[in-house]
Amino acid sequence: MEEVKLTEGHKIKLSAETLRLWLRPLGMGKTQRRLKKHRRRRQRREHEGEFLFLDGSPHPWFGPDSPEVCLLLSSDDATGKPLWGKFQPNEDRNGCFEVCYQRKQVAD
């Protein structure tokens, strides 16, 4: 409402956020809701090889002109080292199984 009054009456243009910040100390602006943290960080495992995880990351890995592909990557939880990965069009069960299988082959 205050934004409209300034624009029409005085030909002053302000963003809604600037106006909110100016009015807040006077007790007139709306407070912004703080969002709760979505997740807690967990502790990494202490020993290498104790826990491996698999993650899929869709991204335009080969540049903005290339199609988005998904990197399926198996990593060690303790060290964060990448162990085995592959690119494919999307994250699916067969791709995840292949990454797990290939990781097992390399470990043996």
PDB file of N, CA and C in Angstrom:
ATOM      1  N   MET A   1       0.822  -1.182   0.000  1.00  0.00           N
ATOM      2  CA  MET A   1       0.000   0.000   0.000  1.00  0.00           C
ATOM      3  C   MET A   1       0.875   1.257   0.000  1.00  0.00           C
ATOM      4  N   GLU A   2       1.887   1.298   0.883  1.00  0.00           N
ATOM      5  CA  GLU A   2       2.760   2.460   0.947  1.00  0.00           C
ATOM      6  C   GLU A   2       3.512   2.646  -0.372  1.00  0.00           C
ATOM      7  N   GLU A   3       3.830   1.523  -1.003  1.00  0.00           N
ATOM      8  CA  GLU A   3       4.547   1.558  -2.279  1.00  0.00           C
ATOM      9  C   GLU A   3       3.720   2.282  -3.344  1.00  0.00           C
ATOM     10  N   VAL A   4       2.426   2.014  -3.380  1.00  0.00           N
ATOM     11  CA  VAL A   4       1.531   2.650  -4.345  1.00  0.00           C
ATOM     12  C   VAL A   4       1.452   4.149  -4.083  1.00  0.00           C
ATOM     13  N   LYS A   5       1.364   4.567  -2.816  1.00  0.00           N
ATOM     14  CA  LYS A   5       1.280   5.980  -2.467  1.00  0.00           C
ATOM     15  C   LYS A   5       2.518   6.734  -2.934  1.00  0.00           C
ATOM     16  N   LEU A   6       3.702   6.156  -2.734  1.00  0.00           N
ATOM     17  CA  LEU A   6       4.934   6.817  -3.156  1.00  0.00           C
ATOM     18  C   LEU A   6       5.006   6.924  -4.673  1.00  0.00           C
ATOM     19  N   THR A   7       4.594   5.879  -5.354  1.00  0.00           N
ATOM     20  CA  THR A   7       4.674   5.864  -6.811  1.00  0.00           C
ATOM     21  C   THR A   7       3.719   6.881  -7.422  1.00  0.00           C
ATOM     22  N   GLU A   8       2.474   6.905  -6.946  1.00  0.00           N
ATOM     23  CA  GLU A   8       1.472   7.802  -7.526  1.00  0.00           C
ATOM     24  C   GLU A   8       1.655   9.249  -7.080  1.00  0.00           C
ATOM     25  N   GLY A   9       1.854   9.472  -5.794  1.00  0.00           N
ATOM     26  CA  GLY A   9       1.885  10.825  -5.266  1.00  0.00           C
ATOM     27  C   GLY A   9       3.192  11.557  -5.507  1.00  0.00           C
ATOM     28  N   HIS A  10       4.313  10.862  -5.481  1.00  0.00           N
ATOM     29  CA  HIS A  10       5.609  11.533  -5.532  1.00  0.00           C
ATOM     30  C   HIS A  10       6.499  11.082  -6.687  1.00  0.00           C
ATOM     31  N   LYS A  11       6.005  10.188  -7.512  1.00  0.00           N
ATOM     32  CA  LYS A  11       6.764   9.659  -8.653  1.00  0.00           C
ATOM     33  C   LYS A  11       8.094   9.042  -8.216  1.00  0.00           C
ATOM     34  N   ILE A  12       8.083   8.381  -7.047  1.00  0.00           N
ATOM     35  CA  ILE A  12       9.274   7.703  -6.522  1.00  0.00           C
ATOM     36  C   ILE A  12       9.071   6.208  -6.695  1.00  0.00           C
ATOM     37  N   LYS A  13      10.067   5.547  -7.254  1.00  0.00           N
ATOM     38  CA  LYS A  13       9.981   4.101  -7.426  1.00  0.00           C
ATOM     39  C   LYS A  13      10.979   3.428  -6.489  1.00  0.00           C
ATOM     40  N   LEU A  14      10.470   2.531  -5.669  1.00  0.00           N
ATOM     41  CA  LEU A  14      11.291   1.739  -4.758  1.00  0.00           C
ATOM     42  C   LEU A  14      10.882   0.287  -4.887  1.00  0.00           C
ATOM     43  N   SER A  15      11.833  -0.588  -4.654  1.00  0.00           N
ATOM     44  CA  SER A  15      11.456  -1.996  -4.627  1.00  0.00           C
ATOM     45  C   SER A  15      10.703  -2.269  -3.331  1.00  0.00           C
ATOM     46  N   ALA A  16       9.899  -3.285  -3.344  1.00  0.00           N
ATOM     47  CA  ALA A  16       9.118  -3.638  -2.162  1.00  0.00           C
ATOM     48  C   ALA A  16      10.049  -3.983  -1.001  1.00  0.00           C
ATOM     49  N   GLU A  17      11.180  -4.618  -1.290  1.00  0.00           N
ATOM     50  CA  GLU A  17      12.129  -4.990  -0.238  1.00  0.00           C
ATOM     51  C   GLU A  17      12.772  -3.763   0.401  1.00  0.00           C
ATOM     52  N   THR A  18      13.156  -2.760  -0.394  1.00  0.00           N
ATOM     53  CA  THR A  18      13.734  -1.527   0.153  1.00  0.00           C
ATOM     54  C   THR A  18      12.729  -0.836   1.052  1.00  0.00           C
ATOM     55  N   LEU A  19      11.512  -0.740   0.594  1.00  0.00           N
ATOM     56  CA  LEU A  19      10.465  -0.106   1.385  1.00  0.00           C
ATOM     57  C   LEU A  19      10.232  -0.868   2.695  1.00  0.00           C
ATOM     58  N   ARG A  20      10.216  -2.173   2.617  1.00  0.00           N
ATOM     59  CA  ARG A  20      10.034  -2.994   3.821  1.00  0.00           C
ATOM     60  C   ARG A  20      11.150  -2.742   4.823  1.00  0.00           C
ATOM     61  N   LEU A  21      12.399  -2.681   4.329  1.00  0.00           N
ATOM     62  CA  LEU A  21      13.537  -2.440   5.216  1.00  0.00           C
ATOM     63  C   LEU A  21      13.469  -1.059   5.869  1.00  0.00           C
ATOM     64  N   TRP A  22      12.966  -0.062   5.167  1.00  0.00           N
ATOM     65  CA  TRP A  22      12.839   1.288   5.722  1.00  0.00           C
ATOM     66  C   TRP A  22      11.716   1.372   6.751  1.00  0.00           C
ATOM     67  N   LEU A  23      10.605   0.674   6.490  1.00  0.00           N
ATOM     68  CA  LEU A  23       9.453   0.748   7.381  1.00  0.00           C
ATOM     69  C   LEU A  23       9.577  -0.161   8.613  1.00  0.00           C
ATOM     70  N   ARG A  24      10.370  -1.187   8.515  1.00  0.00           N
ATOM     71  CA  ARG A  24      10.493  -2.166   9.600  1.00  0.00           C
ATOM     72  C   ARG A  24      10.904  -1.540  10.930  1.00  0.00           C
ATOM     73  N   PRO A  25      11.940  -0.675  10.982  1.00  0.00           N
ATOM     74  CA  PRO A  25      12.313  -0.063  12.270  1.00  0.00           C
ATOM     75  C   PRO A  25      11.204   0.817  12.861  1.00  0.00           C
ATOM     76  N   LEU A  26      10.288   1.279  12.015  1.00  0.00           N
ATOM     77  CA  LEU A  26       9.172   2.098  12.492  1.00  0.00           C
ATOM     78  C   LEU A  26       7.982   1.241  12.925  1.00  0.00           C
ATOM     79  N   GLY A  27       8.149  -0.065  12.825  1.00  0.00           N
ATOM     80  CA  GLY A  27       7.093  -0.989  13.241  1.00  0.00           C
ATOM     81  C   GLY A  27       6.000  -1.173  12.225  1.00  0.00           C
ATOM     82  N   MET A  28       6.253  -0.821  10.956  1.00  0.00           N
ATOM     83  CA  MET A  28       5.184  -0.894   9.957  1.00  0.00           C
ATOM     84  C   MET A  28       5.383  -1.976   8.899  1.00  0.00           C
ATOM     85  N   GLY A  29       6.602  -2.376   8.608  1.00  0.00           N
ATOM     86  CA  GLY A  29       6.818  -3.368   7.552  1.00  0.00           C
ATOM     87  C   GLY A  29       6.536  -4.777   8.046  1.00  0.00           C
ATOM     88  N   LYS A  30       6.199  -5.651   7.133  1.00  0.00           N
ATOM     89  CA  LYS A  30       5.975  -7.049   7.489  1.00  0.00           C
ATOM     90  C   LYS A  30       7.312  -7.704   7.815  1.00  0.00           C
ATOM     91  N   THR A  31       7.289  -8.616   8.783  1.00  0.00           N
ATOM     92  CA  THR A  31       8.496  -9.381   9.076  1.00  0.00           C
ATOM     93  C   THR A  31       8.574 -10.527   8.080  1.00  0.00           C
ATOM     94  N   GLN A  32       9.772 -10.935   7.768  1.00  0.00           N
ATOM     95  CA  GLN A  32       9.940 -12.077   6.882  1.00  0.00           C
ATOM     96  C   GLN A  32      10.003 -13.339   7.725  1.00  0.00           C
ATOM     97  N   ARG A  33       9.271 -14.355   7.306  1.00  0.00           N
ATOM     98  CA  ARG A  33       9.307 -15.637   8.004  1.00  0.00           C
ATOM     99  C   ARG A  33      10.643 -16.306   7.787  1.00  0.00           C
ATOM    100  N   ARG A  34      11.231 -16.769   8.834  1.00  0.00           N
ATOM    101  CA  ARG A  34      12.472 -17.535   8.699  1.00  0.00           C
ATOM    102  C   ARG A  34      12.096 -18.995   8.510  1.00  0.00           C
ATOM    103  N   LEU A  35      12.662 -19.578   7.492  1.00  0.00           N
ATOM    104  CA  LEU A  35      12.384 -20.983   7.230  1.00  0.00           C
ATOM    105  C   LEU A  35      13.260 -21.854   8.116  1.00  0.00           C
ATOM    106  N   LYS A  36      12.698 -22.951   8.581  1.00  0.00           N
ATOM    107  CA  LYS A  36      13.471 -23.886   9.383  1.00  0.00           C
ATOM    108  C   LYS A  36      14.456 -24.621   8.492  1.00  0.00           C
ATOM    109  N   LYS A  37      15.558 -25.047   9.084  1.00  0.00           N
ATOM    110  CA  LYS A  37      16.516 -25.830   8.311  1.00  0.00           C
ATOM    111  C   LYS A  37      15.856 -27.141   7.915  1.00  0.00           C
ATOM    112  N   HIS A  38      16.079 -27.508   6.668  1.00  0.00           N
ATOM    113  CA  HIS A  38      15.416 -28.692   6.134  1.00  0.00           C
ATOM    114  C   HIS A  38      16.030 -29.983   6.658  1.00  0.00           C
ATOM    115  N   ARG A  39      17.338 -30.007   6.758  1.00  0.00           N
ATOM    116  CA  ARG A  39      18.024 -31.237   7.162  1.00  0.00           C
ATOM    117  C   ARG A  39      19.180 -30.921   8.082  1.00  0.00           C
ATOM    118  N   ARG A  40      19.531 -31.888   8.870  1.00  0.00           N
ATOM    119  CA  ARG A  40      20.745 -31.790   9.680  1.00  0.00           C
ATOM    120  C   ARG A  40      21.875 -32.480   8.940  1.00  0.00           C
ATOM    121  N   ARG A  41      23.071 -31.972   9.089  1.00  0.00           N
ATOM    122  CA  ARG A  41      24.227 -32.659   8.522  1.00  0.00           C
ATOM    123  C   ARG A  41      24.588 -33.820   9.429  1.00  0.00           C
ATOM    124  N   ARG A  42      24.900 -34.944   8.827  1.00  0.00           N
ATOM    125  CA  ARG A  42      25.306 -36.090   9.634  1.00  0.00           C
ATOM    126  C   ARG A  42      26.824 -36.191   9.627  1.00  0.00           C
ATOM    127  N   GLN A  43      27.362 -36.855  10.611  1.00  0.00           N
ATOM    128  CA  GLN A  43      28.801 -37.056  10.683  1.00  0.00           C
ATOM    129  C   GLN A  43      29.226 -38.064   9.626  1.00  0.00           C
ATOM    130  N   ARG A  44      30.353 -37.783   8.993  1.00  0.00           N
ATOM    131  CA  ARG A  44      30.900 -38.757   8.042  1.00  0.00           C
ATOM    132  C   ARG A  44      31.444 -39.954   8.804  1.00  0.00           C
ATOM    133  N   ARG A  45      31.534 -41.079   8.120  1.00  0.00           N
ATOM    134  CA  ARG A  45      32.109 -42.283   8.728  1.00  0.00           C
ATOM    135  C   ARG A  45      33.598 -42.062   8.967  1.00  0.00           C
ATOM    136  N   GLU A  46      34.121 -42.770   9.939  1.00  0.00           N
ATOM    137  CA  GLU A  46      35.515 -42.568  10.327  1.00  0.00           C
ATOM    138  C   GLU A  46      36.504 -43.273   9.411  1.00  0.00           C
ATOM    139  N   HIS A  47      36.141 -44.436   8.874  1.00  0.00           N
ATOM    140  CA  HIS A  47      37.101 -45.262   8.137  1.00  0.00           C
ATOM    141  C   HIS A  47      36.730 -45.369   6.654  1.00  0.00           C
ATOM    142  N   GLU A  48      37.742 -45.257   5.820  1.00  0.00           N
ATOM    143  CA  GLU A  48      37.543 -45.394   4.379  1.00  0.00           C
ATOM    144  C   GLU A  48      36.997 -46.779   4.057  1.00  0.00           C
ATOM    145  N   GLY A  49      36.009 -46.846   3.176  1.00  0.00           N
ATOM    146  CA  GLY A  49      35.411 -48.106   2.763  1.00  0.00           C
ATOM    147  C   GLY A  49      34.292 -48.591   3.666  1.00  0.00           C
ATOM    148  N   GLU A  50      34.057 -47.912   4.764  1.00  0.00           N
ATOM    149  CA  GLU A  50      33.016 -48.325   5.702  1.00  0.00           C
ATOM    150  C   GLU A  50      31.617 -48.088   5.130  1.00  0.00           C
ATOM    151  N   PHE A  51      31.463 -47.010   4.372  1.00  0.00           N
ATOM    152  CA  PHE A  51      30.153 -46.670   3.829  1.00  0.00           C
ATOM    153  C   PHE A  51      30.347 -45.987   2.479  1.00  0.00           C
ATOM    154  N   LEU A  52      29.718 -46.512   1.446  1.00  0.00           N
ATOM    155  CA  LEU A  52      29.762 -45.914   0.117  1.00  0.00           C
ATOM    156  C   LEU A  52      28.374 -45.380  -0.200  1.00  0.00           C
ATOM    157  N   PHE A  53      28.321 -44.284  -0.925  1.00  0.00           N
ATOM    158  CA  PHE A  53      27.015 -43.787  -1.324  1.00  0.00           C
ATOM    159  C   PHE A  53      26.986 -43.518  -2.818  1.00  0.00           C
ATOM    160  N   LEU A  54      25.782 -43.514  -3.337  1.00  0.00           N
ATOM    161  CA  LEU A  54      25.547 -43.334  -4.767  1.00  0.00           C
ATOM    162  C   LEU A  54      24.602 -42.156  -4.935  1.00  0.00           C
ATOM    163  N   ASP A  55      24.953 -41.256  -5.846  1.00  0.00           N
ATOM    164  CA  ASP A  55      24.121 -40.082  -6.045  1.00  0.00           C
ATOM    165  C   ASP A  55      24.013 -39.789  -7.534  1.00  0.00           C
ATOM    166  N   GLY A  56      22.879 -39.269  -7.940  1.00  0.00           N
ATOM    167  CA  GLY A  56      22.672 -38.852  -9.320  1.00  0.00           C
ATOM    168  C   GLY A  56      22.536 -37.342  -9.383  1.00  0.00           C
ATOM    169  N   SER A  57      23.268 -36.697 -10.291  1.00  0.00           N
ATOM    170  CA  SER A  57      23.235 -35.237 -10.402  1.00  0.00           C
ATOM    171  C   SER A  57      22.934 -34.813 -11.835  1.00  0.00           C
ATOM    172  N   PRO A  58      21.671 -34.458 -12.143  1.00  0.00           N
ATOM    173  CA  PRO A  58      21.360 -33.952 -13.475  1.00  0.00           C
ATOM    174  C   PRO A  58      21.886 -32.529 -13.625  1.00  0.00           C
ATOM    175  N   HIS A  59      22.558 -32.259 -14.737  1.00  0.00           N
ATOM    176  CA  HIS A  59      23.210 -30.959 -14.929  1.00  0.00           C
ATOM    177  C   HIS A  59      23.655 -30.852 -16.389  1.00  0.00           C
ATOM    178  N   PRO A  60      23.770 -29.649 -16.941  1.00  0.00           N
ATOM    179  CA  PRO A  60      24.353 -29.532 -18.291  1.00  0.00           C
ATOM    180  C   PRO A  60      25.890 -29.629 -18.191  1.00  0.00           C
ATOM    181  N   TRP A  61      26.389 -30.808 -17.925  1.00  0.00           N
ATOM    182  CA  TRP A  61      27.809 -31.046 -17.644  1.00  0.00           C
ATOM    183  C   TRP A  61      28.740 -30.643 -18.781  1.00  0.00           C
ATOM    184  N   PHE A  62      28.278 -30.726 -20.013  1.00  0.00           N
ATOM    185  CA  PHE A  62      29.163 -30.493 -21.156  1.00  0.00           C
ATOM    186  C   PHE A  62      28.930 -29.133 -21.800  1.00  0.00           C
ATOM    187  N   GLY A  63      28.378 -28.207 -21.046  1.00  0.00           N
ATOM    188  CA  GLY A  63      28.187 -26.850 -21.537  1.00  0.00           C
ATOM    189  C   GLY A  63      26.731 -26.491 -21.704  1.00  0.00           C
ATOM    190  N   PRO A  64      26.457 -25.186 -21.814  1.00  0.00           N
ATOM    191  CA  PRO A  64      25.063 -24.730 -21.894  1.00  0.00           C
ATOM    192  C   PRO A  64      24.359 -25.131 -23.183  1.00  0.00           C
ATOM    193  N   ASP A  65      25.115 -25.423 -24.243  1.00  0.00           N
ATOM    194  CA  ASP A  65      24.498 -25.805 -25.517  1.00  0.00           C
ATOM    195  C   ASP A  65      24.248 -27.305 -25.611  1.00  0.00           C
ATOM    196  N   SER A  66      24.754 -28.065 -24.659  1.00  0.00           N
ATOM    197  CA  SER A  66      24.581 -29.518 -24.664  1.00  0.00           C
ATOM    198  C   SER A  66      23.372 -29.899 -23.818  1.00  0.00           C
ATOM    199  N   PRO A  67      22.777 -31.036 -24.118  1.00  0.00           N
ATOM    200  CA  PRO A  67      21.623 -31.456 -23.311  1.00  0.00           C
ATOM    201  C   PRO A  67      22.047 -31.819 -21.890  1.00  0.00           C
ATOM    202  N   GLU A  68      21.116 -31.693 -20.963  1.00  0.00           N
ATOM    203  CA  GLU A  68      21.381 -32.057 -19.579  1.00  0.00           C
ATOM    204  C   GLU A  68      21.502 -33.570 -19.471  1.00  0.00           C
ATOM    205  N   VAL A  69      22.539 -34.030 -18.785  1.00  0.00           N
ATOM    206  CA  VAL A  69      22.717 -35.457 -18.531  1.00  0.00           C
ATOM    207  C   VAL A  69      22.902 -35.650 -17.029  1.00  0.00           C
ATOM    208  N   CYS A  70      22.765 -36.886 -16.586  1.00  0.00           N
ATOM    209  CA  CYS A  70      22.865 -37.196 -15.168  1.00  0.00           C
ATOM    210  C   CYS A  70      24.182 -37.915 -14.899  1.00  0.00           C
ATOM    211  N   LEU A  71      24.939 -37.418 -13.946  1.00  0.00           N
ATOM    212  CA  LEU A  71      26.155 -38.099 -13.500  1.00  0.00           C
ATOM    213  C   LEU A  71      25.767 -38.991 -12.334  1.00  0.00           C
ATOM    214  N   LEU A  72      25.921 -40.302 -12.498  1.00  0.00           N
ATOM    215  CA  LEU A  72      25.717 -41.256 -11.408  1.00  0.00           C
ATOM    216  C   LEU A  72      27.099 -41.544 -10.834  1.00  0.00           C
ATOM    217  N   LEU A  73      27.289 -41.274  -9.551  1.00  0.00           N
ATOM    218  CA  LEU A  73      28.623 -41.361  -8.961  1.00  0.00           C
ATOM    219  C   LEU A  73      28.581 -42.093  -7.635  1.00  0.00           C
ATOM    220  N   SER A  74      29.464 -43.067  -7.505  1.00  0.00           N
ATOM    221  CA  SER A  74      29.659 -43.764  -6.243  1.00  0.00           C
ATOM    222  C   SER A  74      30.849 -43.121  -5.552  1.00  0.00           C
ATOM    223  N   SER A  75      30.681 -42.753  -4.261  1.00  0.00           N
ATOM    224  CA  SER A  75      31.739 -42.082  -3.510  1.00  0.00           C
ATOM    225  C   SER A  75      31.911 -42.727  -2.149  1.00  0.00           C
ATOM    226  N   ASP A  76      33.111 -42.573  -1.598  1.00  0.00           N
ATOM    227  CA  ASP A  76      33.385 -43.049  -0.245  1.00  0.00           C
ATOM    228  C   ASP A  76      32.934 -41.971   0.738  1.00  0.00           C
ATOM    229  N   ASP A  77      32.192 -42.358   1.752  1.00  0.00           N
ATOM    230  CA  ASP A  77      31.657 -41.383   2.692  1.00  0.00           C
ATOM    231  C   ASP A  77      32.743 -40.747   3.561  1.00  0.00           C
ATOM    232  N   ALA A  78      33.716 -41.519   4.013  1.00  0.00           N
ATOM    233  CA  ALA A  78      34.745 -41.003   4.922  1.00  0.00           C
ATOM    234  C   ALA A  78      35.649 -39.981   4.242  1.00  0.00           C
ATOM    235  N   THR A  79      36.030 -40.249   3.007  1.00  0.00           N
ATOM    236  CA  THR A  79      36.999 -39.385   2.323  1.00  0.00           C
ATOM    237  C   THR A  79      36.373 -38.470   1.281  1.00  0.00           C
ATOM    238  N   GLY A  80      35.192 -38.842   0.798  1.00  0.00           N
ATOM    239  CA  GLY A  80      34.564 -38.077  -0.267  1.00  0.00           C
ATOM    240  C   GLY A  80      35.148 -38.385  -1.640  1.00  0.00           C
ATOM    241  N   LYS A  81      36.048 -39.365  -1.714  1.00  0.00           N
ATOM    242  CA  LYS A  81      36.676 -39.713  -2.994  1.00  0.00           C
ATOM    243  C   LYS A  81      35.661 -40.323  -3.951  1.00  0.00           C
ATOM    244  N   PRO A  82      35.667 -39.868  -5.211  1.00  0.00           N
ATOM    245  CA  PRO A  82      34.815 -40.529  -6.205  1.00  0.00           C
ATOM    246  C   PRO A  82      35.414 -41.899  -6.526  1.00  0.00           C
ATOM    247  N   LEU A  83      34.565 -42.917  -6.606  1.00  0.00           N
ATOM    248  CA  LEU A  83      35.058 -44.276  -6.833  1.00  0.00           C
ATOM    249  C   LEU A  83      34.733 -44.780  -8.237  1.00  0.00           C
ATOM    250  N   TRP A  84      33.533 -44.558  -8.696  1.00  0.00           N
ATOM    251  CA  TRP A  84      33.165 -44.965 -10.057  1.00  0.00           C
ATOM    252  C   TRP A  84      31.923 -44.192 -10.457  1.00  0.00           C
ATOM    253  N   GLY A  85      31.869 -43.745 -11.687  1.00  0.00           N
ATOM    254  CA  GLY A  85      30.708 -42.992 -12.142  1.00  0.00           C
ATOM    255  C   GLY A  85      30.471 -43.141 -13.624  1.00  0.00           C
ATOM    256  N   LYS A  86      29.308 -42.682 -14.051  1.00  0.00           N
ATOM    257  CA  LYS A  86      28.979 -42.702 -15.474  1.00  0.00           C
ATOM    258  C   LYS A  86      27.959 -41.618 -15.768  1.00  0.00           C
ATOM    259  N   PHE A  87      27.966 -41.167 -17.009  1.00  0.00           N
ATOM    260  CA  PHE A  87      26.968 -40.211 -17.481  1.00  0.00           C
ATOM    261  C   PHE A  87      25.900 -40.977 -18.243  1.00  0.00           C
ATOM    262  N   GLN A  88      24.663 -40.570 -18.047  1.00  0.00           N
ATOM    263  CA  GLN A  88      23.563 -41.135 -18.836  1.00  0.00           C
ATOM    264  C   GLN A  88      22.430 -40.121 -18.897  1.00  0.00           C
ATOM    265  N   PRO A  89      21.447 -40.330 -19.768  1.00  0.00           N
ATOM    266  CA  PRO A  89      20.389 -39.329 -19.954  1.00  0.00           C
ATOM    267  C   PRO A  89      19.622 -38.979 -18.674  1.00  0.00           C
ATOM    268  N   ASN A  90      19.367 -39.983 -17.817  1.00  0.00           N
ATOM    269  CA  ASN A  90      18.652 -39.715 -16.572  1.00  0.00           C
ATOM    270  C   ASN A  90      19.028 -40.749 -15.523  1.00  0.00           C
ATOM    271  N   GLU A  91      18.636 -40.480 -14.287  1.00  0.00           N
ATOM    272  CA  GLU A  91      18.926 -41.404 -13.187  1.00  0.00           C
ATOM    273  C   GLU A  91      17.857 -42.489 -13.187  1.00  0.00           C
ATOM    274  N   ASP A  92      18.278 -43.732 -13.301  1.00  0.00           N
ATOM    275  CA  ASP A  92      17.315 -44.831 -13.258  1.00  0.00           C
ATOM    276  C   ASP A  92      17.922 -46.033 -12.534  1.00  0.00           C
ATOM    277  N   ARG A  93      17.094 -47.013 -12.287  1.00  0.00           N
ATOM    278  CA  ARG A  93      17.510 -48.196 -11.535  1.00  0.00           C
ATOM    279  C   ARG A  93      18.661 -48.928 -12.207  1.00  0.00           C
ATOM    280  N   ASN A  94      18.553 -49.143 -13.516  1.00  0.00           N
ATOM    281  CA  ASN A  94      19.591 -49.895 -14.211  1.00  0.00           C
ATOM    282  C   ASN A  94      20.942 -49.178 -14.168  1.00  0.00           C
ATOM    283  N   GLY A  95      20.922 -47.868 -14.303  1.00  0.00           N
ATOM    284  CA  GLY A  95      22.166 -47.111 -14.215  1.00  0.00           C
ATOM    285  C   GLY A  95      22.793 -47.212 -12.834  1.00  0.00           C
ATOM    286  N   CYS A  96      21.958 -47.126 -11.798  1.00  0.00           N
ATOM    287  CA  CYS A  96      22.461 -47.261 -10.424  1.00  0.00           C
ATOM    288  C   CYS A  96      23.036 -48.654 -10.197  1.00  0.00           C
ATOM    289  N   PHE A  97      22.345 -49.684 -10.697  1.00  0.00           N
ATOM    290  CA  PHE A  97      22.860 -51.039 -10.563  1.00  0.00           C
ATOM    291  C   PHE A  97      24.192 -51.196 -11.285  1.00  0.00           C
ATOM    292  N   GLU A  98      24.312 -50.592 -12.451  1.00  0.00           N
ATOM    293  CA  GLU A  98      25.570 -50.701 -13.196  1.00  0.00           C
ATOM    294  C   GLU A  98      26.723 -50.039 -12.440  1.00  0.00           C
ATOM    295  N   VAL A  99      26.481 -48.876 -11.856  1.00  0.00           N
ATOM    296  CA  VAL A  99      27.531 -48.205 -11.083  1.00  0.00           C
ATOM    297  C   VAL A  99      27.954 -49.082  -9.909  1.00  0.00           C
ATOM    298  N   CYS A 100      26.981 -49.674  -9.208  1.00  0.00           N
ATOM    299  CA  CYS A 100      27.305 -50.562  -8.082  1.00  0.00           C
ATOM    300  C   CYS A 100      28.099 -51.779  -8.560  1.00  0.00           C
ATOM    301  N   TYR A 101      27.672 -52.371  -9.673  1.00  0.00           N
ATOM    302  CA  TYR A 101      28.354 -53.547 -10.220  1.00  0.00           C
ATOM    303  C   TYR A 101      29.792 -53.208 -10.623  1.00  0.00           C
ATOM    304  N   GLN A 102      29.972 -52.113 -11.354  1.00  0.00           N
ATOM    305  CA  GLN A 102      31.310 -51.721 -11.798  1.00  0.00           C
ATOM    306  C   GLN A 102      32.214 -51.399 -10.607  1.00  0.00           C
ATOM    307  N   ARG A 103      31.662 -50.766  -9.603  1.00  0.00           N
ATOM    308  CA  ARG A 103      32.443 -50.457  -8.391  1.00  0.00           C
ATOM    309  C   ARG A 103      32.902 -51.750  -7.719  1.00  0.00           C
ATOM    310  N   LYS A 104      32.038 -52.737  -7.665  1.00  0.00           N
ATOM    311  CA  LYS A 104      32.388 -54.034  -7.085  1.00  0.00           C
ATOM    312  C   LYS A 104      33.478 -54.709  -7.896  1.00  0.00           C
ATOM    313  N   GLN A 105      33.389 -54.622  -9.243  1.00  0.00           N
ATOM    314  CA  GLN A 105      34.401 -55.242 -10.110  1.00  0.00           C
ATOM    315  C   GLN A 105      35.774 -54.606  -9.861  1.00  0.00           C
ATOM    316  N   VAL A 106      35.814 -53.279  -9.709  1.00  0.00           N
ATOM    317  CA  VAL A 106      37.074 -52.574  -9.482  1.00  0.00           C
ATOM    318  C   VAL A 106      37.653 -52.948  -8.119  1.00  0.00           C
ATOM    319  N   ALA A 107      36.789 -53.145  -7.116  1.00  0.00           N
ATOM    320  CA  ALA A 107      37.243 -53.448  -5.763  1.00  0.00           C
ATOM    321  C   ALA A 107      37.828 -54.850  -5.648  1.00  0.00           C
ATOM    322  N   ASP A 108      37.344 -55.779  -6.469  1.00  0.00           N
ATOM    323  CA  ASP A 108      37.829 -57.183  -6.386  1.00  0.00           C
ATOM    324  C   ASP A 108      39.183 -57.381  -7.006  1.00  0.00           C
TER     325      ASP A 108
END
